Amino acid sequence: MLYQSDKIIRWGIPGWILLSWFLLIYTITHQEEVWSFVTNEAFKSLGITAVLASVGVPIGYIIHEVYFALFWTKRNINLRNITNKIDDFPKPHNWESMNDKEKFYYLEFLWDKNINEQHELVLNSIKERYRDRLTLIHSLGTLLSSMVCTIIGTIIWSFFGLQFTFLTLILLIIQCGIFWMIWTNYIYHSNNLLHYQGYYLNEMINKSD
């Protein structure tokens, strides 16, 4: 049950963030209508909030899948952040003819193989650290995808919906600033994970030799 709750929250966050931004921009551009509705239709507003909270989970899940399809599987990985850390890197005979994806798959195999050869306590420790770092990266990635959708939605709403005001401009600037901060963190932690794998692989391979 705890596992399922964790999944729901993880998938829901990007969806809730997206809906919150859209709700905020609607409030900014329709202040009188929103205030009148909240004041006179309190129970309905609570019902709408509950519906949005429920809808946010599947929307967040879709954003999660879009992130994996467009950002994670298509990204260019600097494999030298791993291989340059390993003394006498055990390249397969066809390494030079392999493309970047194939090289990455080989490194993943090498990573799993060497981890599974460790003592159980070390094995569990490495796996937990790796999982935590990877989860953080994917969380930042889904937030990035959510912010991209938010910025695009704000631009469409403001310019094509003829709702462009000084407040919507400020909101758009804030959104771009948040996107930049999340992107900076995403790049940092992604590179950090590659370096972590490289240093640990070097230690495990050389210890086993």
Protein backbone atom coordinates (compact mmCIF):
# COMPACT_ATOMS: atom_id res chain seq x y z
CA MET A 1 0.00 0.00 0.00
CA LEU A 2 2.84 2.35 0.87
CA TYR A 3 4.52 1.50 -2.44
CA GLN A 4 1.32 2.33 -4.37
CA SER A 5 0.92 5.62 -2.48
CA ASP A 6 4.50 6.53 -3.34
CA LYS A 7 3.81 5.83 -7.03
CA ILE A 8 0.62 7.91 -7.00
CA ILE A 9 2.39 10.87 -5.40
CA ARG A 10 5.38 10.58 -7.77
CA TRP A 11 3.13 10.48 -10.84
CA GLY A 12 0.74 13.06 -9.46
CA ILE A 13 3.24 15.83 -8.69
CA PRO A 14 4.00 16.85 -12.32
CA GLY A 15 0.28 16.72 -13.15
CA TRP A 16 -0.70 18.74 -10.09
CA ILE A 17 2.00 21.32 -10.85
CA LEU A 18 0.77 21.66 -14.45
CA LEU A 19 -2.86 22.07 -13.38
CA SER A 20 -1.89 24.53 -10.62
CA TRP A 21 -0.11 26.78 -13.11
CA PHE A 22 -3.06 26.65 -15.50
CA LEU A 23 -5.43 27.40 -12.62
CA LEU A 24 -3.24 30.32 -11.59
CA ILE A 25 -3.14 31.86 -15.05
CA TYR A 26 -6.92 31.44 -15.37
CA THR A 27 -7.33 33.17 -12.02
CA ILE A 28 -5.08 36.04 -13.11
CA THR A 29 -6.97 36.59 -16.36
CA HIS A 30 -10.46 36.05 -14.87
CA GLN A 31 -10.09 37.44 -11.36
CA GLU A 32 -13.67 38.63 -10.87
CA GLU A 33 -15.23 35.40 -12.15
CA VAL A 34 -12.99 33.21 -10.00
CA TRP A 35 -13.53 35.31 -6.87
CA SER A 36 -17.30 35.29 -7.39
CA PHE A 37 -17.34 31.52 -7.91
CA VAL A 38 -15.20 30.78 -4.83
CA THR A 39 -17.31 33.13 -2.70
CA ASN A 40 -20.75 31.98 -3.85
CA GLU A 41 -20.07 28.34 -4.76
CA ALA A 42 -17.82 27.13 -1.95
CA PHE A 43 -18.97 23.50 -2.09
CA LYS A 44 -18.63 23.35 -5.87
CA SER A 45 -15.12 24.79 -5.67
CA LEU A 46 -14.16 22.03 -3.21
CA GLY A 47 -15.61 19.46 -5.59
CA ILE A 48 -13.64 20.89 -8.50
CA THR A 49 -10.48 20.81 -6.38
CA ALA A 50 -11.05 17.10 -5.66
CA VAL A 51 -11.63 16.38 -9.35
CA LEU A 52 -8.46 18.24 -10.36
CA ALA A 53 -6.50 16.32 -7.73
CA SER A 54 -7.76 13.05 -9.21
CA VAL A 55 -7.16 14.11 -12.81
CA GLY A 56 -3.65 15.27 -11.93
CA VAL A 57 -2.44 11.68 -11.39
CA PRO A 58 -3.12 10.34 -14.93
CA ILE A 59 -1.90 13.62 -16.43
CA GLY A 60 1.27 13.31 -14.38
CA TYR A 61 1.71 9.71 -15.53
CA ILE A 62 1.42 10.81 -19.17
CA ILE A 63 4.01 13.53 -18.53
CA HIS A 64 6.21 10.86 -16.92
CA GLU A 65 5.99 8.69 -20.05
CA VAL A 66 6.58 11.67 -22.37
CA TYR A 67 9.75 12.47 -20.43
CA PHE A 68 11.07 8.93 -20.88
CA ALA A 69 10.12 8.84 -24.57
CA LEU A 70 11.50 12.24 -25.56
CA PHE A 71 14.21 13.12 -23.04
CA TRP A 72 15.63 9.99 -21.43
CA THR A 73 15.70 7.51 -24.34
CA LYS A 74 16.77 10.12 -26.90
CA ARG A 75 19.37 11.96 -24.84
CA ASN A 76 23.05 12.00 -25.75
CA ILE A 77 25.11 10.54 -22.93
CA ASN A 78 28.76 11.50 -22.54
CA LEU A 79 30.07 8.01 -21.85
CA ARG A 80 33.57 9.34 -21.23
CA ASN A 81 32.33 10.56 -17.86
CA ILE A 82 32.28 6.86 -16.99
CA THR A 83 34.99 5.26 -19.14
CA ASN A 84 37.67 7.87 -18.39
CA LYS A 85 37.38 7.05 -14.70
CA ILE A 86 38.19 3.35 -15.24
CA ASP A 87 41.80 2.17 -15.42
CA ASP A 88 42.24 -0.46 -18.15
CA PHE A 89 38.60 -0.25 -19.15
CA PRO A 90 37.51 -3.75 -20.31
CA LYS A 91 36.28 -2.89 -23.79
CA PRO A 92 34.58 -5.63 -25.82
CA HIS A 93 36.26 -6.52 -29.12
CA ASN A 94 33.64 -4.60 -31.14
CA TRP A 95 33.67 -1.46 -28.96
CA GLU A 96 34.77 0.88 -31.76
CA SER A 97 31.98 -0.28 -34.07
CA MET A 98 29.28 0.10 -31.41
CA ASN A 99 27.03 3.17 -31.39
CA ASP A 100 26.49 5.24 -28.24
CA LYS A 101 23.33 3.36 -27.25
CA GLU A 102 25.06 -0.01 -27.54
CA LYS A 103 28.02 1.29 -25.53
CA PHE A 104 25.64 2.53 -22.85
CA TYR A 105 23.91 -0.86 -22.71
CA TYR A 106 27.30 -2.53 -22.29
CA LEU A 107 28.19 -0.14 -19.46
CA GLU A 108 24.88 -0.91 -17.77
CA PHE A 109 25.66 -4.63 -18.06
CA LEU A 110 29.15 -4.05 -16.66
CA TRP A 111 27.68 -2.02 -13.80
CA ASP A 112 25.11 -4.69 -12.86
CA LYS A 113 27.63 -7.52 -13.24
CA ASN A 114 30.19 -5.94 -10.93
CA ILE A 115 27.62 -4.85 -8.36
CA ASN A 116 26.14 -8.35 -8.14
CA GLU A 117 29.61 -9.74 -7.40
CA GLN A 118 29.91 -7.63 -4.25
CA HIS A 119 29.19 -8.65 -0.68
CA GLU A 120 25.48 -8.40 0.17
CA LEU A 121 25.89 -5.35 2.45
CA VAL A 122 27.93 -3.50 -0.18
CA LEU A 123 25.54 -4.65 -2.89
CA ASN A 124 22.49 -3.29 -1.08
CA SER A 125 24.26 -0.03 -0.24
CA ILE A 126 25.30 0.63 -3.86
CA LYS A 127 21.90 -0.30 -5.24
CA GLU A 128 20.12 1.97 -2.77
CA ARG A 129 22.37 4.93 -3.55
CA TYR A 130 22.07 4.36 -7.29
CA ARG A 131 18.28 4.02 -7.07
CA ASP A 132 17.96 7.21 -5.01
CA ARG A 133 20.11 9.20 -7.43
CA LEU A 134 18.30 7.84 -10.47
CA THR A 135 14.90 8.52 -8.88
CA LEU A 136 15.95 12.12 -8.22
CA ILE A 137 17.03 12.55 -11.85
CA HIS A 138 13.75 11.14 -13.17
CA SER A 139 11.77 13.33 -10.76
CA LEU A 140 13.58 16.40 -12.06
CA GLY A 141 13.03 15.20 -15.62
CA THR A 142 9.28 14.88 -15.17
CA LEU A 143 9.20 18.33 -13.56
CA LEU A 144 11.06 19.67 -16.60
CA SER A 145 8.46 18.11 -18.90
CA SER A 146 5.69 19.58 -16.76
CA MET A 147 7.26 23.05 -16.93
CA VAL A 148 7.66 22.78 -20.72
CA CYS A 149 3.93 22.03 -21.01
CA THR A 150 3.20 24.88 -18.59
CA ILE A 151 5.25 27.44 -20.52
CA ILE A 152 3.74 26.38 -23.86
CA GLY A 153 0.25 26.50 -22.35
CA THR A 154 0.87 29.95 -20.86
CA ILE A 155 2.13 31.30 -24.20
CA ILE A 156 -0.87 29.90 -26.07
CA TRP A 157 -3.30 31.20 -23.43
CA SER A 158 -1.70 34.66 -23.25
CA PHE A 159 -1.04 35.41 -26.90
CA PHE A 160 -3.55 33.36 -28.86
CA GLY A 161 -6.30 33.73 -26.28
CA LEU A 162 -5.80 37.50 -26.23
CA GLN A 163 -5.22 37.42 -22.47
CA PHE A 164 -1.72 38.93 -22.46
CA THR A 165 -1.21 41.29 -19.52
CA PHE A 166 1.68 42.49 -17.38
CA LEU A 167 0.81 39.82 -14.80
CA THR A 168 0.87 37.01 -17.37
CA LEU A 169 4.25 38.30 -18.58
CA ILE A 170 5.60 38.18 -15.01
CA LEU A 171 4.14 34.69 -14.63
CA LEU A 172 5.85 33.55 -17.83
CA ILE A 173 9.20 34.97 -16.65
CA ILE A 174 8.81 33.15 -13.32
CA GLN A 175 8.01 29.91 -15.14
CA CYS A 176 11.09 30.25 -17.35
CA GLY A 177 13.22 30.95 -14.27
CA ILE A 178 11.90 27.84 -12.52
CA PHE A 179 12.51 25.81 -15.69
CA TRP A 180 16.12 27.00 -15.81
CA MET A 181 16.71 26.08 -12.15
CA ILE A 182 15.24 22.60 -12.61
CA TRP A 183 17.24 22.12 -15.82
CA THR A 184 20.46 23.13 -14.05
CA ASN A 185 19.78 20.62 -11.28
CA TYR A 186 18.88 17.94 -13.82
CA ILE A 187 22.17 18.35 -15.70
CA TYR A 188 24.19 18.45 -12.49
CA HIS A 189 22.68 15.30 -11.01
CA SER A 190 22.80 13.45 -14.36
CA ASN A 191 26.52 14.15 -14.72
CA ASN A 192 27.06 13.37 -11.05
CA LEU A 193 25.51 9.91 -11.50
CA LEU A 194 27.77 9.14 -14.48
CA HIS A 195 30.88 10.16 -12.53
CA TYR A 196 29.66 8.11 -9.56
CA GLN A 197 29.27 5.04 -11.78
CA GLY A 198 32.71 5.60 -13.30
CA TYR A 199 34.55 5.88 -9.98
CA TYR A 200 32.71 2.94 -8.47
CA LEU A 201 33.23 0.76 -11.54
CA ASN A 202 36.93 1.56 -11.45
CA GLU A 203 37.12 0.50 -7.81
CA MET A 204 35.15 -2.70 -8.33
CA ILE A 205 36.96 -3.79 -11.51
CA ASN A 206 40.42 -3.13 -10.11
CA LYS A 207 39.62 -4.83 -6.83
CA SER A 208 38.42 -7.92 -8.65
CA ASP A 209 41.60 -8.11 -10.75
